[in-house]
């Protein structure tokens, strides 16, 4: 039998992909900064310095873009809190009546 396609809300899916991109930026930055180490036989020349600063500037622009999109795609405040109770706090239960108090 064919299964029904899994529906993912468009905004939630985009927000998760943007968060994934934000997590990937430091890895991309490390890879970009290690490229000059592969060709370091002549030392750190002017071309490599230009490359490093342009890669740095590109990472700054990419992180500003991703953070702006994440801020715009953020769910309204309280939307997540209303659906689930915090995991750190135990559920609140009503106090039970003490049977000895009713006899007075």
N, C-alpha and C. Protein backbone atom coordinates (compact mmCIF):
# COMPACT_ATOMS: atom_id res chain seq x y z
N UNK A 1 0.83 -1.19 0.00
CA UNK A 1 0.00 0.00 0.00
C UNK A 1 0.87 1.25 0.00
N UNK A 2 0.38 2.27 -0.61
CA UNK A 2 1.11 3.54 -0.64
C UNK A 2 0.75 4.35 0.61
N UNK A 3 1.78 4.90 1.21
CA UNK A 3 1.54 5.74 2.38
C UNK A 3 1.18 7.14 1.95
N UNK A 4 0.41 7.81 2.78
CA UNK A 4 0.06 9.21 2.52
C UNK A 4 1.32 10.05 2.70
N UNK A 5 1.50 11.08 1.90
CA UNK A 5 2.70 11.91 2.04
C UNK A 5 2.69 12.64 3.39
N UNK A 6 3.85 12.79 3.95
CA UNK A 6 4.00 13.48 5.22
C UNK A 6 3.89 14.98 4.98
N UNK A 7 2.96 15.61 5.66
CA UNK A 7 2.78 17.05 5.49
C UNK A 7 3.62 17.79 6.51
N UNK A 8 4.42 18.70 6.03
CA UNK A 8 5.19 19.57 6.90
C UNK A 8 4.75 21.01 6.64
N UNK A 9 4.46 21.73 7.68
CA UNK A 9 4.07 23.12 7.51
C UNK A 9 5.22 23.90 6.87
N UNK A 10 4.87 24.73 5.93
CA UNK A 10 5.90 25.44 5.15
C UNK A 10 6.78 26.32 6.03
N UNK A 11 6.18 27.09 6.93
CA UNK A 11 6.98 28.00 7.77
C UNK A 11 7.88 27.23 8.74
N UNK A 12 7.36 26.19 9.33
CA UNK A 12 8.18 25.40 10.24
C UNK A 12 9.33 24.72 9.53
N UNK A 13 9.06 24.23 8.32
CA UNK A 13 10.11 23.60 7.52
C UNK A 13 11.18 24.60 7.16
N UNK A 14 10.81 25.78 6.73
CA UNK A 14 11.80 26.82 6.38
C UNK A 14 12.60 27.25 7.60
N UNK A 15 11.94 27.36 8.74
CA UNK A 15 12.64 27.78 9.96
C UNK A 15 13.68 26.74 10.36
N UNK A 16 13.33 25.45 10.22
CA UNK A 16 14.31 24.40 10.55
C UNK A 16 15.46 24.39 9.57
N UNK A 17 15.21 24.64 8.28
CA UNK A 17 16.29 24.68 7.30
C UNK A 17 17.21 25.87 7.55
N UNK A 18 16.64 27.02 7.95
CA UNK A 18 17.47 28.17 8.29
C UNK A 18 18.31 27.89 9.52
N UNK A 19 17.74 27.20 10.49
CA UNK A 19 18.52 26.84 11.69
C UNK A 19 19.64 25.87 11.31
N UNK A 20 19.37 24.96 10.39
CA UNK A 20 20.42 24.06 9.91
C UNK A 20 21.53 24.84 9.21
N UNK A 21 21.15 25.84 8.43
CA UNK A 21 22.14 26.66 7.75
C UNK A 21 22.99 27.44 8.76
N UNK A 22 22.35 27.93 9.82
CA UNK A 22 23.09 28.65 10.85
C UNK A 22 24.08 27.73 11.55
N UNK A 23 23.71 26.45 11.73
CA UNK A 23 24.63 25.50 12.36
C UNK A 23 25.78 25.13 11.43
N UNK A 24 25.55 25.23 10.13
CA UNK A 24 26.57 24.85 9.15
C UNK A 24 27.58 25.96 8.89
N UNK A 25 27.23 27.22 9.19
CA UNK A 25 28.14 28.33 8.91
C UNK A 25 29.50 28.22 9.60
N UNK A 26 29.61 27.82 10.86
CA UNK A 26 30.95 27.67 11.45
C UNK A 26 31.79 26.60 10.77
N UNK A 27 31.15 25.53 10.33
CA UNK A 27 31.88 24.47 9.62
C UNK A 27 32.38 25.01 8.28
N UNK A 28 31.52 25.75 7.58
CA UNK A 28 31.93 26.36 6.33
C UNK A 28 33.07 27.35 6.55
N UNK A 29 33.00 28.13 7.61
CA UNK A 29 34.05 29.08 7.93
C UNK A 29 35.38 28.40 8.22
N UNK A 30 35.33 27.31 8.96
CA UNK A 30 36.57 26.57 9.24
C UNK A 30 37.17 26.01 7.96
N UNK A 31 36.32 25.51 7.08
CA UNK A 31 36.83 24.98 5.80
C UNK A 31 37.43 26.10 4.96
N UNK A 32 36.77 27.25 4.92
CA UNK A 32 37.30 28.37 4.13
C UNK A 32 38.61 28.89 4.71
N UNK A 33 38.74 28.91 6.01
CA UNK A 33 39.98 29.41 6.62
C UNK A 33 41.12 28.41 6.54
N UNK A 34 40.81 27.14 6.36
CA UNK A 34 41.87 26.14 6.25
C UNK A 34 42.39 25.98 4.83
N UNK A 35 41.69 26.53 3.84
CA UNK A 35 42.15 26.42 2.46
C UNK A 35 43.55 27.02 2.28
N UNK A 36 43.87 28.19 2.84
CA UNK A 36 45.24 28.70 2.67
C UNK A 36 46.29 27.81 3.31
N UNK A 37 45.93 27.00 4.28
CA UNK A 37 46.90 26.10 4.90
C UNK A 37 47.33 25.02 3.92
N UNK A 38 46.50 24.71 2.95
CA UNK A 38 46.86 23.71 1.95
C UNK A 38 47.95 24.21 1.01
N UNK A 39 48.04 25.52 0.84
CA UNK A 39 49.04 26.11 -0.05
C UNK A 39 49.93 27.07 0.74
N UNK A 40 50.45 26.63 1.85
CA UNK A 40 51.22 27.50 2.74
C UNK A 40 52.72 27.38 2.52
N UNK A 41 53.16 26.85 1.42
CA UNK A 41 54.60 26.66 1.22
C UNK A 41 55.33 27.98 1.03
N UNK A 42 54.65 29.01 0.53
CA UNK A 42 55.29 30.30 0.32
C UNK A 42 55.04 31.27 1.47
N UNK A 43 54.34 30.86 2.46
CA UNK A 43 54.00 31.75 3.56
C UNK A 43 52.67 32.44 3.30
N UNK A 44 52.35 33.37 4.13
CA UNK A 44 51.07 34.08 4.03
C UNK A 44 51.29 35.33 3.19
N UNK A 45 50.95 35.26 1.91
CA UNK A 45 51.14 36.38 1.00
C UNK A 45 49.95 37.30 0.97
N UNK A 46 50.05 38.32 0.12
CA UNK A 46 48.99 39.32 0.01
C UNK A 46 47.71 38.69 -0.55
N UNK A 47 47.87 37.78 -1.50
CA UNK A 47 46.69 37.13 -2.07
C UNK A 47 45.93 36.31 -1.05
N UNK A 48 46.67 35.62 -0.18
CA UNK A 48 46.02 34.81 0.86
C UNK A 48 45.34 35.70 1.90
N UNK A 49 45.97 36.84 2.21
CA UNK A 49 45.33 37.76 3.16
C UNK A 49 44.04 38.32 2.58
N UNK A 50 44.06 38.66 1.30
CA UNK A 50 42.84 39.16 0.66
C UNK A 50 41.77 38.06 0.69
N UNK A 51 42.16 36.82 0.40
CA UNK A 51 41.23 35.70 0.44
C UNK A 51 40.65 35.53 1.84
N UNK A 52 41.49 35.56 2.87
CA UNK A 52 41.00 35.37 4.24
C UNK A 52 40.03 36.46 4.66
N UNK A 53 40.36 37.72 4.34
CA UNK A 53 39.46 38.80 4.72
C UNK A 53 38.17 38.79 3.91
N UNK A 54 38.24 38.39 2.63
CA UNK A 54 36.99 38.31 1.86
C UNK A 54 36.13 37.13 2.35
N UNK A 55 36.76 36.02 2.73
CA UNK A 55 36.01 34.90 3.29
C UNK A 55 35.37 35.30 4.62
N UNK A 56 36.11 36.03 5.43
CA UNK A 56 35.59 36.51 6.70
C UNK A 56 34.39 37.44 6.48
N UNK A 57 34.53 38.36 5.53
CA UNK A 57 33.45 39.28 5.22
C UNK A 57 32.24 38.53 4.67
N UNK A 58 32.47 37.54 3.84
CA UNK A 58 31.37 36.73 3.31
C UNK A 58 30.64 35.98 4.40
N UNK A 59 31.39 35.45 5.37
CA UNK A 59 30.74 34.76 6.50
C UNK A 59 29.92 35.72 7.35
N UNK A 60 30.41 36.95 7.50
CA UNK A 60 29.65 37.96 8.25
C UNK A 60 28.34 38.26 7.53
N UNK A 61 28.41 38.45 6.21
CA UNK A 61 27.20 38.71 5.45
C UNK A 61 26.23 37.53 5.50
N UNK A 62 26.76 36.32 5.37
CA UNK A 62 25.91 35.13 5.40
C UNK A 62 25.24 34.97 6.76
N UNK A 63 25.98 35.20 7.84
CA UNK A 63 25.38 35.06 9.17
C UNK A 63 24.36 36.16 9.43
N UNK A 64 24.59 37.38 8.90
CA UNK A 64 23.59 38.45 9.06
C UNK A 64 22.33 38.10 8.29
N UNK A 65 22.47 37.54 7.10
CA UNK A 65 21.32 37.14 6.30
C UNK A 65 20.52 36.05 7.00
N UNK A 66 21.21 35.02 7.49
CA UNK A 66 20.53 33.90 8.14
C UNK A 66 19.86 34.36 9.44
N UNK A 67 20.55 35.18 10.21
CA UNK A 67 19.95 35.62 11.48
C UNK A 67 18.74 36.53 11.24
N UNK A 68 18.80 37.36 10.20
CA UNK A 68 17.64 38.21 9.89
C UNK A 68 16.46 37.36 9.45
N UNK A 69 16.71 36.36 8.64
CA UNK A 69 15.63 35.48 8.18
C UNK A 69 15.07 34.65 9.35
N UNK A 70 15.95 34.20 10.25
CA UNK A 70 15.48 33.45 11.42
C UNK A 70 14.63 34.32 12.34
N UNK A 71 15.04 35.57 12.51
CA UNK A 71 14.26 36.47 13.36
C UNK A 71 12.90 36.74 12.76
N UNK A 72 12.84 36.85 11.43
CA UNK A 72 11.57 37.10 10.75
C UNK A 72 10.68 35.86 10.78
N UNK A 73 11.29 34.67 10.74
CA UNK A 73 10.52 33.43 10.69
C UNK A 73 10.24 32.86 12.08
N UNK A 74 10.64 33.55 13.12
CA UNK A 74 10.44 33.05 14.47
C UNK A 74 8.94 32.99 14.78
N UNK A 75 8.52 31.95 15.51
CA UNK A 75 7.10 31.88 15.88
C UNK A 75 6.76 32.99 16.86
N UNK A 76 5.50 33.41 16.91
CA UNK A 76 5.11 34.44 17.87
C UNK A 76 5.43 34.01 19.29
N UNK A 77 5.75 34.98 20.12
CA UNK A 77 6.09 34.66 21.51
C UNK A 77 4.90 34.04 22.20
N UNK A 78 5.15 32.98 22.92
CA UNK A 78 4.10 32.31 23.65
C UNK A 78 3.40 31.23 22.86
N UNK A 79 3.67 31.13 21.57
CA UNK A 79 3.00 30.11 20.75
C UNK A 79 3.45 28.72 21.15
N UNK A 80 4.74 28.55 21.41
CA UNK A 80 5.24 27.25 21.83
C UNK A 80 4.90 26.97 23.29
N UNK A 81 4.87 28.00 24.08
CA UNK A 81 4.60 27.81 25.51
C UNK A 81 3.16 27.39 25.75
N UNK A 82 2.25 27.87 24.91
CA UNK A 82 0.85 27.54 25.11
C UNK A 82 0.55 26.09 24.77
N UNK A 83 1.34 25.50 23.87
CA UNK A 83 1.03 24.14 23.44
C UNK A 83 1.59 23.08 24.38
N UNK A 84 2.72 23.33 25.01
CA UNK A 84 3.33 22.33 25.87
C UNK A 84 3.78 22.95 27.19
N UNK A 85 3.64 22.23 28.29
CA UNK A 85 4.18 22.74 29.56
C UNK A 85 5.70 22.56 29.55
N UNK A 86 6.42 23.40 30.30
CA UNK A 86 7.87 23.25 30.35
C UNK A 86 8.26 21.90 30.92
N UNK A 87 9.29 21.31 30.35
CA UNK A 87 9.72 19.97 30.78
C UNK A 87 10.42 20.00 32.13
N UNK A 88 10.96 21.15 32.53
CA UNK A 88 11.72 21.21 33.77
C UNK A 88 10.82 21.26 35.01
N UNK A 89 9.59 21.70 34.85
CA UNK A 89 8.70 21.82 36.00
C UNK A 89 7.75 20.63 36.05
N UNK A 90 7.52 20.07 37.24
CA UNK A 90 6.56 18.96 37.34
C UNK A 90 5.15 19.49 37.12
N UNK A 91 4.23 18.65 36.67
CA UNK A 91 2.85 19.11 36.48
C UNK A 91 2.23 19.51 37.82
N UNK A 92 1.42 20.53 37.76
CA UNK A 92 0.77 21.04 38.97
C UNK A 92 -0.47 20.20 39.24
N UNK A 93 -0.56 19.69 40.45
CA UNK A 93 -1.75 18.91 40.82
C UNK A 93 -2.46 19.64 41.96
N UNK A 94 -3.74 19.40 42.05
CA UNK A 94 -4.52 20.05 43.10
C UNK A 94 -4.22 19.38 44.44
N UNK A 95 -4.18 20.17 45.52
CA UNK A 95 -3.92 19.56 46.83
C UNK A 95 -5.07 18.67 47.26
N UNK A 96 -4.73 17.57 47.86
CA UNK A 96 -5.77 16.66 48.33
C UNK A 96 -6.23 17.09 49.70
N UNK A 97 -7.49 16.88 49.97
CA UNK A 97 -8.07 17.26 51.26
C UNK A 97 -7.63 16.26 52.33
N UNK A 98 -7.25 16.75 53.48
CA UNK A 98 -6.84 15.92 54.59
C UNK A 98 -8.11 15.41 55.28
N UNK A 99 -8.29 14.07 55.38
CA UNK A 99 -9.53 13.56 55.99
C UNK A 99 -9.70 13.97 57.46
N UNK A 100 -8.62 14.26 58.15
CA UNK A 100 -8.76 14.61 59.57
C UNK A 100 -9.30 16.02 59.74
N UNK A 101 -9.14 16.88 58.72
CA UNK A 101 -9.65 18.25 58.84
C UNK A 101 -11.17 18.28 58.72
N UNK A 102 -11.75 17.38 57.99
CA UNK A 102 -13.20 17.37 57.81
C UNK A 102 -13.95 16.92 59.07
N UNK A 103 -13.29 16.25 60.02
CA UNK A 103 -13.94 15.74 61.21
C UNK A 103 -14.11 16.81 62.26
N UNK A 104 -13.51 17.93 62.15
CA UNK A 104 -13.60 18.97 63.19
C UNK A 104 -14.87 19.68 63.19
